Amino acid sequence: MVRKFMFVTDADGKSREVKVDPAHLGRQIRDHRAAGREVTVLTEDERIQAGLNAAWIAEQHRAGRI
């Protein structure tokens, strides 16, 4: 079984991680979207890659390249 991570972004732009219930993932997604939130679900590998990408972007920004 693949571990999943859910991130929810509110209308004001604040994101937070939400605990995932694997048996009810579809229902969780529908509930958050119905409440007007943007939902992103990542696997563990995708989450690691997103973190590495964010670190690279921050490094490039600090160096004045982007």
PDB file of N, CA and C in Angstrom:
ATOM      1  N   MET A   1       0.834  -1.174   0.000  1.00  0.00           N
ATOM      2  CA  MET A   1       0.000   0.000   0.000  1.00  0.00           C
ATOM      3  C   MET A   1       0.885   1.246   0.000  1.00  0.00           C
ATOM      4  N   VAL A   2       0.511   2.204  -0.821  1.00  0.00           N
ATOM      5  CA  VAL A   2       1.266   3.440  -0.966  1.00  0.00           C
ATOM      6  C   VAL A   2       0.721   4.479   0.008  1.00  0.00           C
ATOM      7  N   ARG A   3       1.632   5.102   0.744  1.00  0.00           N
ATOM      8  CA  ARG A   3       1.217   6.139   1.678  1.00  0.00           C
ATOM      9  C   ARG A   3       0.880   7.409   0.900  1.00  0.00           C
ATOM     10  N   LYS A   4      -0.222   8.066   1.254  1.00  0.00           N
ATOM     11  CA  LYS A   4      -0.671   9.271   0.560  1.00  0.00           C
ATOM     12  C   LYS A   4      -0.680  10.450   1.514  1.00  0.00           C
ATOM     13  N   PHE A   5      -0.477  11.627   0.950  1.00  0.00           N
ATOM     14  CA  PHE A   5      -0.495  12.873   1.696  1.00  0.00           C
ATOM     15  C   PHE A   5      -1.476  13.817   1.009  1.00  0.00           C
ATOM     16  N   MET A   6      -2.312  14.490   1.794  1.00  0.00           N
ATOM     17  CA  MET A   6      -3.300  15.411   1.239  1.00  0.00           C
ATOM     18  C   MET A   6      -3.004  16.815   1.749  1.00  0.00           C
ATOM     19  N   PHE A   7      -2.960  17.753   0.803  1.00  0.00           N
ATOM     20  CA  PHE A   7      -2.777  19.153   1.129  1.00  0.00           C
ATOM     21  C   PHE A   7      -4.002  19.911   0.654  1.00  0.00           C
ATOM     22  N   VAL A   8      -4.525  20.784   1.515  1.00  0.00           N
ATOM     23  CA  VAL A   8      -5.738  21.525   1.227  1.00  0.00           C
ATOM     24  C   VAL A   8      -5.410  23.016   1.278  1.00  0.00           C
ATOM     25  N   THR A   9      -5.828  23.745   0.234  1.00  0.00           N
ATOM     26  CA  THR A   9      -5.604  25.185   0.169  1.00  0.00           C
ATOM     27  C   THR A   9      -6.933  25.889   0.280  1.00  0.00           C
ATOM     28  N   ASP A  10      -7.052  26.804   1.247  1.00  0.00           N
ATOM     29  CA  ASP A  10      -8.275  27.571   1.457  1.00  0.00           C
ATOM     30  C   ASP A  10      -8.356  28.708   0.445  1.00  0.00           C
ATOM     31  N   ALA A  11      -9.497  29.394   0.434  1.00  0.00           N
ATOM     32  CA  ALA A  11      -9.712  30.505  -0.489  1.00  0.00           C
ATOM     33  C   ALA A  11      -8.728  31.646  -0.238  1.00  0.00           C
ATOM     34  N   ASP A  12      -8.242  31.784   0.995  1.00  0.00           N
ATOM     35  CA  ASP A  12      -7.291  32.850   1.310  1.00  0.00           C
ATOM     36  C   ASP A  12      -5.851  32.485   0.967  1.00  0.00           C
ATOM     37  N   GLY A  13      -5.630  31.282   0.412  1.00  0.00           N
ATOM     38  CA  GLY A  13      -4.317  30.867  -0.047  1.00  0.00           C
ATOM     39  C   GLY A  13      -3.478  30.109   0.969  1.00  0.00           C
ATOM     40  N   LYS A  14      -4.001  29.861   2.149  1.00  0.00           N
ATOM     41  CA  LYS A  14      -3.248  29.126   3.174  1.00  0.00           C
ATOM     42  C   LYS A  14      -3.410  27.622   2.951  1.00  0.00           C
ATOM     43  N   SER A  15      -2.287  26.928   2.914  1.00  0.00           N
ATOM     44  CA  SER A  15      -2.302  25.482   2.721  1.00  0.00           C
ATOM     45  C   SER A  15      -1.960  24.776   4.022  1.00  0.00           C
ATOM     46  N   ARG A  16      -2.522  23.575   4.162  1.00  0.00           N
ATOM     47  CA  ARG A  16      -2.215  22.761   5.328  1.00  0.00           C
ATOM     48  C   ARG A  16      -2.317  21.299   4.926  1.00  0.00           C
ATOM     49  N   GLU A  17      -1.607  20.471   5.683  1.00  0.00           N
ATOM     50  CA  GLU A  17      -1.660  19.033   5.435  1.00  0.00           C
ATOM     51  C   GLU A  17      -2.802  18.447   6.244  1.00  0.00           C
ATOM     52  N   VAL A  18      -3.556  17.555   5.626  1.00  0.00           N
ATOM     53  CA  VAL A  18      -4.702  16.920   6.257  1.00  0.00           C
ATOM     54  C   VAL A  18      -4.438  15.427   6.333  1.00  0.00           C
ATOM     55  N   LYS A  19      -4.795  14.816   7.445  1.00  0.00           N
ATOM     56  CA  LYS A  19      -4.638  13.370   7.589  1.00  0.00           C
ATOM     57  C   LYS A  19      -5.536  12.656   6.572  1.00  0.00           C
ATOM     58  N   VAL A  20      -4.993  11.641   5.920  1.00  0.00           N
ATOM     59  CA  VAL A  20      -5.707  10.905   4.879  1.00  0.00           C
ATOM     60  C   VAL A  20      -6.308   9.633   5.467  1.00  0.00           C
ATOM     61  N   ASP A  21      -7.580   9.413   5.163  1.00  0.00           N
ATOM     62  CA  ASP A  21      -8.246   8.160   5.512  1.00  0.00           C
ATOM     63  C   ASP A  21      -8.301   7.349   4.217  1.00  0.00           C
ATOM     64  N   PRO A  22      -7.412   6.358   4.036  1.00  0.00           N
ATOM     65  CA  PRO A  22      -7.334   5.636   2.766  1.00  0.00           C
ATOM     66  C   PRO A  22      -8.652   5.003   2.324  1.00  0.00           C
ATOM     67  N   ALA A  23      -9.467   4.578   3.264  1.00  0.00           N
ATOM     68  CA  ALA A  23     -10.728   3.933   2.908  1.00  0.00           C
ATOM     69  C   ALA A  23     -11.756   4.937   2.377  1.00  0.00           C
ATOM     70  N   HIS A  24     -11.570   6.212   2.698  1.00  0.00           N
ATOM     71  CA  HIS A  24     -12.546   7.233   2.300  1.00  0.00           C
ATOM     72  C   HIS A  24     -11.898   8.418   1.599  1.00  0.00           C
ATOM     73  N   LEU A  25     -10.840   8.174   0.843  1.00  0.00           N
ATOM     74  CA  LEU A  25     -10.107   9.242   0.178  1.00  0.00           C
ATOM     75  C   LEU A  25     -11.001  10.028  -0.779  1.00  0.00           C
ATOM     76  N   GLY A  26     -11.783   9.328  -1.585  1.00  0.00           N
ATOM     77  CA  GLY A  26     -12.678  10.005  -2.536  1.00  0.00           C
ATOM     78  C   GLY A  26     -13.683  10.909  -1.843  1.00  0.00           C
ATOM     79  N   ARG A  27     -14.236  10.430  -0.737  1.00  0.00           N
ATOM     80  CA  ARG A  27     -15.201  11.232   0.011  1.00  0.00           C
ATOM     81  C   ARG A  27     -14.528  12.466   0.604  1.00  0.00           C
ATOM     82  N   GLN A  28     -13.310  12.292   1.127  1.00  0.00           N
ATOM     83  CA  GLN A  28     -12.575  13.422   1.690  1.00  0.00           C
ATOM     84  C   GLN A  28     -12.332  14.493   0.636  1.00  0.00           C
ATOM     85  N   ILE A  29     -11.925  14.074  -0.540  1.00  0.00           N
ATOM     86  CA  ILE A  29     -11.657  15.014  -1.631  1.00  0.00           C
ATOM     87  C   ILE A  29     -12.932  15.758  -2.002  1.00  0.00           C
ATOM     88  N   ARG A  30     -14.031  15.022  -2.169  1.00  0.00           N
ATOM     89  CA  ARG A  30     -15.314  15.656  -2.526  1.00  0.00           C
ATOM     90  C   ARG A  30     -15.758  16.656  -1.470  1.00  0.00           C
ATOM     91  N   ASP A  31     -15.617  16.293  -0.197  1.00  0.00           N
ATOM     92  CA  ASP A  31     -16.029  17.184   0.893  1.00  0.00           C
ATOM     93  C   ASP A  31     -15.227  18.487   0.890  1.00  0.00           C
ATOM     94  N   HIS A  32     -13.921  18.384   0.703  1.00  0.00           N
ATOM     95  CA  HIS A  32     -13.092  19.597   0.694  1.00  0.00           C
ATOM     96  C   HIS A  32     -13.395  20.464  -0.527  1.00  0.00           C
ATOM     97  N   ARG A  33     -13.560  19.835  -1.681  1.00  0.00           N
ATOM     98  CA  ARG A  33     -13.879  20.610  -2.888  1.00  0.00           C
ATOM     99  C   ARG A  33     -15.247  21.265  -2.774  1.00  0.00           C
ATOM    100  N   ALA A  34     -16.209  20.575  -2.166  1.00  0.00           N
ATOM    101  CA  ALA A  34     -17.538  21.158  -1.969  1.00  0.00           C
ATOM    102  C   ALA A  34     -17.485  22.368  -1.041  1.00  0.00           C
ATOM    103  N   ALA A  35     -16.507  22.385  -0.145  1.00  0.00           N
ATOM    104  CA  ALA A  35     -16.332  23.508   0.780  1.00  0.00           C
ATOM    105  C   ALA A  35     -15.518  24.637   0.136  1.00  0.00           C
ATOM    106  N   GLY A  36     -15.146  24.491  -1.138  1.00  0.00           N
ATOM    107  CA  GLY A  36     -14.438  25.539  -1.854  1.00  0.00           C
ATOM    108  C   GLY A  36     -12.933  25.520  -1.688  1.00  0.00           C
ATOM    109  N   ARG A  37     -12.389  24.394  -1.297  1.00  0.00           N
ATOM    110  CA  ARG A  37     -10.943  24.273  -1.106  1.00  0.00           C
ATOM    111  C   ARG A  37     -10.316  23.535  -2.281  1.00  0.00           C
ATOM    112  N   GLU A  38      -9.056  23.854  -2.549  1.00  0.00           N
ATOM    113  CA  GLU A  38      -8.304  23.147  -3.580  1.00  0.00           C
ATOM    114  C   GLU A  38      -7.568  21.989  -2.914  1.00  0.00           C
ATOM    115  N   VAL A  39      -7.634  20.803  -3.501  1.00  0.00           N
ATOM    116  CA  VAL A  39      -7.069  19.600  -2.894  1.00  0.00           C
ATOM    117  C   VAL A  39      -5.962  19.039  -3.779  1.00  0.00           C
ATOM    118  N   THR A  40      -4.842  18.675  -3.135  1.00  0.00           N
ATOM    119  CA  THR A  40      -3.737  18.015  -3.820  1.00  0.00           C
ATOM    120  C   THR A  40      -3.387  16.760  -3.031  1.00  0.00           C
ATOM    121  N   VAL A  41      -3.367  15.620  -3.718  1.00  0.00           N
ATOM    122  CA  VAL A  41      -3.010  14.350  -3.083  1.00  0.00           C
ATOM    123  C   VAL A  41      -1.730  13.851  -3.740  1.00  0.00           C
ATOM    124  N   LEU A  42      -0.733  13.557  -2.907  1.00  0.00           N
ATOM    125  CA  LEU A  42       0.565  13.104  -3.391  1.00  0.00           C
ATOM    126  C   LEU A  42       0.949  11.779  -2.750  1.00  0.00           C
ATOM    127  N   THR A  43       1.712  10.988  -3.498  1.00  0.00           N
ATOM    128  CA  THR A  43       2.324   9.802  -2.911  1.00  0.00           C
ATOM    129  C   THR A  43       3.589  10.261  -2.189  1.00  0.00           C
ATOM    130  N   GLU A  44       4.210   9.348  -1.460  1.00  0.00           N
ATOM    131  CA  GLU A  44       5.425   9.707  -0.721  1.00  0.00           C
ATOM    132  C   GLU A  44       6.537  10.156  -1.671  1.00  0.00           C
ATOM    133  N   ASP A  45       6.704   9.466  -2.792  1.00  0.00           N
ATOM    134  CA  ASP A  45       7.734   9.840  -3.759  1.00  0.00           C
ATOM    135  C   ASP A  45       7.456  11.213  -4.373  1.00  0.00           C
ATOM    136  N   GLU A  46       6.193  11.482  -4.691  1.00  0.00           N
ATOM    137  CA  GLU A  46       5.834  12.784  -5.254  1.00  0.00           C
ATOM    138  C   GLU A  46       6.068  13.904  -4.242  1.00  0.00           C
ATOM    139  N   ARG A  47       5.793  13.640  -2.980  1.00  0.00           N
ATOM    140  CA  ARG A  47       6.002  14.639  -1.937  1.00  0.00           C
ATOM    141  C   ARG A  47       7.483  14.954  -1.786  1.00  0.00           C
ATOM    142  N   ILE A  48       8.322  13.924  -1.808  1.00  0.00           N
ATOM    143  CA  ILE A  48       9.769  14.138  -1.720  1.00  0.00           C
ATOM    144  C   ILE A  48      10.253  14.955  -2.914  1.00  0.00           C
ATOM    145  N   GLN A  49       9.799  14.611  -4.107  1.00  0.00           N
ATOM    146  CA  GLN A  49      10.209  15.343  -5.307  1.00  0.00           C
ATOM    147  C   GLN A  49       9.745  16.795  -5.249  1.00  0.00           C
ATOM    148  N   ALA A  50       8.547  17.052  -4.767  1.00  0.00           N
ATOM    149  CA  ALA A  50       8.055  18.426  -4.641  1.00  0.00           C
ATOM    150  C   ALA A  50       8.922  19.218  -3.662  1.00  0.00           C
ATOM    151  N   GLY A  51       9.343  18.601  -2.579  1.00  0.00           N
ATOM    152  CA  GLY A  51      10.226  19.266  -1.624  1.00  0.00           C
ATOM    153  C   GLY A  51      11.580  19.589  -2.225  1.00  0.00           C
ATOM    154  N   LEU A  52      12.133  18.655  -2.989  1.00  0.00           N
ATOM    155  CA  LEU A  52      13.410  18.902  -3.661  1.00  0.00           C
ATOM    156  C   LEU A  52      13.284  20.022  -4.685  1.00  0.00           C
ATOM    157  N   ASN A  53      12.186  20.048  -5.417  1.00  0.00           N
ATOM    158  CA  ASN A  53      11.952  21.115  -6.392  1.00  0.00           C
ATOM    159  C   ASN A  53      11.852  22.469  -5.701  1.00  0.00           C
ATOM    160  N   ALA A  54      11.128  22.529  -4.584  1.00  0.00           N
ATOM    161  CA  ALA A  54      10.984  23.777  -3.840  1.00  0.00           C
ATOM    162  C   ALA A  54      12.329  24.258  -3.315  1.00  0.00           C
ATOM    163  N   ALA A  55      13.158  23.345  -2.832  1.00  0.00           N
ATOM    164  CA  ALA A  55      14.485  23.705  -2.344  1.00  0.00           C
ATOM    165  C   ALA A  55      15.351  24.239  -3.478  1.00  0.00           C
ATOM    166  N   TRP A  56      15.278  23.611  -4.647  1.00  0.00           N
ATOM    167  CA  TRP A  56      16.049  24.067  -5.796  1.00  0.00           C
ATOM    168  C   TRP A  56      15.602  25.457  -6.233  1.00  0.00           C
ATOM    169  N   ILE A  57      14.288  25.691  -6.288  1.00  0.00           N
ATOM    170  CA  ILE A  57      13.765  27.008  -6.678  1.00  0.00           C
ATOM    171  C   ILE A  57      14.222  28.075  -5.690  1.00  0.00           C
ATOM    172  N   ALA A  58      14.155  27.789  -4.393  1.00  0.00           N
ATOM    173  CA  ALA A  58      14.589  28.744  -3.379  1.00  0.00           C
ATOM    174  C   ALA A  58      16.076  29.047  -3.530  1.00  0.00           C
ATOM    175  N   GLU A  59      16.879  28.023  -3.767  1.00  0.00           N
ATOM    176  CA  GLU A  59      18.320  28.226  -3.957  1.00  0.00           C
ATOM    177  C   GLU A  59      18.601  29.095  -5.158  1.00  0.00           C
ATOM    178  N   GLN A  60      17.928  28.816  -6.260  1.00  0.00           N
ATOM    179  CA  GLN A  60      18.127  29.604  -7.484  1.00  0.00           C
ATOM    180  C   GLN A  60      17.666  31.051  -7.282  1.00  0.00           C
ATOM    181  N   HIS A  61      16.605  31.237  -6.552  1.00  0.00           N
ATOM    182  CA  HIS A  61      16.083  32.579  -6.281  1.00  0.00           C
ATOM    183  C   HIS A  61      17.086  33.380  -5.430  1.00  0.00           C
ATOM    184  N   ARG A  62      17.615  32.725  -4.383  1.00  0.00           N
ATOM    185  CA  ARG A  62      18.601  33.391  -3.523  1.00  0.00           C
ATOM    186  C   ARG A  62      19.854  33.772  -4.310  1.00  0.00           C
ATOM    187  N   ALA A  63      20.205  32.950  -5.294  1.00  0.00           N
ATOM    188  CA  ALA A  63      21.388  33.221  -6.099  1.00  0.00           C
ATOM    189  C   ALA A  63      21.112  34.260  -7.187  1.00  0.00           C
ATOM    190  N   GLY A  64      19.850  34.689  -7.333  1.00  0.00           N
ATOM    191  CA  GLY A  64      19.502  35.718  -8.313  1.00  0.00           C
ATOM    192  C   GLY A  64      19.340  35.214  -9.723  1.00  0.00           C
ATOM    193  N   ARG A  65      19.213  33.909  -9.876  1.00  0.00           N
ATOM    194  CA  ARG A  65      19.066  33.331 -11.222  1.00  0.00           C
ATOM    195  C   ARG A  65      17.633  33.321 -11.715  1.00  0.00           C
ATOM    196  N   ILE A  66      16.685  33.321 -10.784  1.00  0.00           N
ATOM    197  CA  ILE A  66      15.263  33.360 -11.177  1.00  0.00           C
ATOM    198  C   ILE A  66      14.523  34.346 -10.314  1.00  0.00           C
TER     199      ILE A  66
END
